[in-house]
Amino acid sequence: MSISRLSPTRNPSARAAAHRAMARAALFADSSACTRLKRYNHHMTKARRLEASIAGKEEAS
């Protein structure tokens, strides 16, 4: 396991951007359309959750 996976200090905004990038990459992967769509939806859902948590923290402040 890499060091970056063990470090929870990554910015949630950066994590959301990473999931959006993985979602775009999933669309062009060399796999079936069903698999590509499933991976895309998975990463976009995670990105949206992270962005919502960021927005919730900003409103609470």
Protein backbone atom coordinates (compact mmCIF):
# COMPACT_ATOMS: atom_id res chain seq x y z
CA MET A 1 0.00 0.00 0.00
CA SER A 2 1.37 3.37 -0.90
CA ILE A 3 2.07 6.14 1.59
CA SER A 4 -0.46 8.48 -0.03
CA ARG A 5 -3.26 5.99 0.63
CA LEU A 6 -2.46 5.98 4.32
CA SER A 7 -2.42 9.75 4.68
CA PRO A 8 -5.91 11.11 5.49
CA THR A 9 -4.75 14.73 5.27
CA ARG A 10 -5.63 15.17 1.60
CA ASN A 11 -7.89 18.07 0.86
CA PRO A 12 -11.51 16.93 0.18
CA SER A 13 -11.62 19.29 -2.77
CA ALA A 14 -8.57 17.60 -4.27
CA ARG A 15 -10.12 14.20 -3.65
CA ALA A 16 -13.31 15.29 -5.43
CA ALA A 17 -11.26 16.51 -8.39
CA ALA A 18 -9.42 13.17 -8.46
CA HIS A 19 -12.71 11.27 -8.54
CA ARG A 20 -13.98 13.47 -11.39
CA ALA A 21 -10.78 12.68 -13.31
CA MET A 22 -11.22 8.95 -12.64
CA ALA A 23 -14.82 9.22 -13.84
CA ARG A 24 -13.71 10.78 -17.12
CA ALA A 25 -11.03 8.13 -17.52
CA ALA A 26 -13.64 5.42 -16.94
CA LEU A 27 -15.58 6.62 -19.97
CA PHE A 28 -12.62 5.94 -22.27
CA ALA A 29 -11.42 2.69 -20.68
CA ASP A 30 -11.05 -0.46 -22.73
CA SER A 31 -14.02 -2.31 -21.22
CA SER A 32 -17.71 -2.88 -21.86
CA ALA A 33 -20.14 0.02 -21.90
CA CYS A 34 -21.89 -1.34 -18.80
CA THR A 35 -18.62 -1.47 -16.85
CA ARG A 36 -17.55 1.99 -18.02
CA LEU A 37 -20.90 3.51 -17.00
CA LYS A 38 -20.81 1.76 -13.61
CA ARG A 39 -17.29 3.06 -12.90
CA TYR A 40 -18.23 6.57 -14.09
CA ASN A 41 -21.31 6.68 -11.84
CA HIS A 42 -19.35 5.33 -8.88
CA HIS A 43 -16.67 8.03 -9.10
CA MET A 44 -19.12 10.86 -9.80
CA THR A 45 -21.19 9.84 -6.78
CA LYS A 46 -18.10 9.99 -4.59
CA ALA A 47 -17.11 13.37 -6.03
CA ARG A 48 -20.59 14.78 -5.42
CA ARG A 49 -20.59 13.52 -1.82
CA LEU A 50 -17.22 15.10 -1.15
CA GLU A 51 -18.34 18.41 -2.65
CA ALA A 52 -21.54 18.31 -0.59
CA SER A 53 -19.55 17.70 2.59
CA ILE A 54 -17.32 20.65 1.73
CA ALA A 55 -20.36 22.86 1.17
CA GLY A 56 -21.89 21.68 4.45
CA LYS A 57 -18.74 22.56 6.37
CA GLU A 58 -18.63 26.03 4.81
CA GLU A 59 -22.25 26.73 5.75
CA ALA A 60 -21.63 25.60 9.34
CA SER A 61 -18.73 28.03 9.73
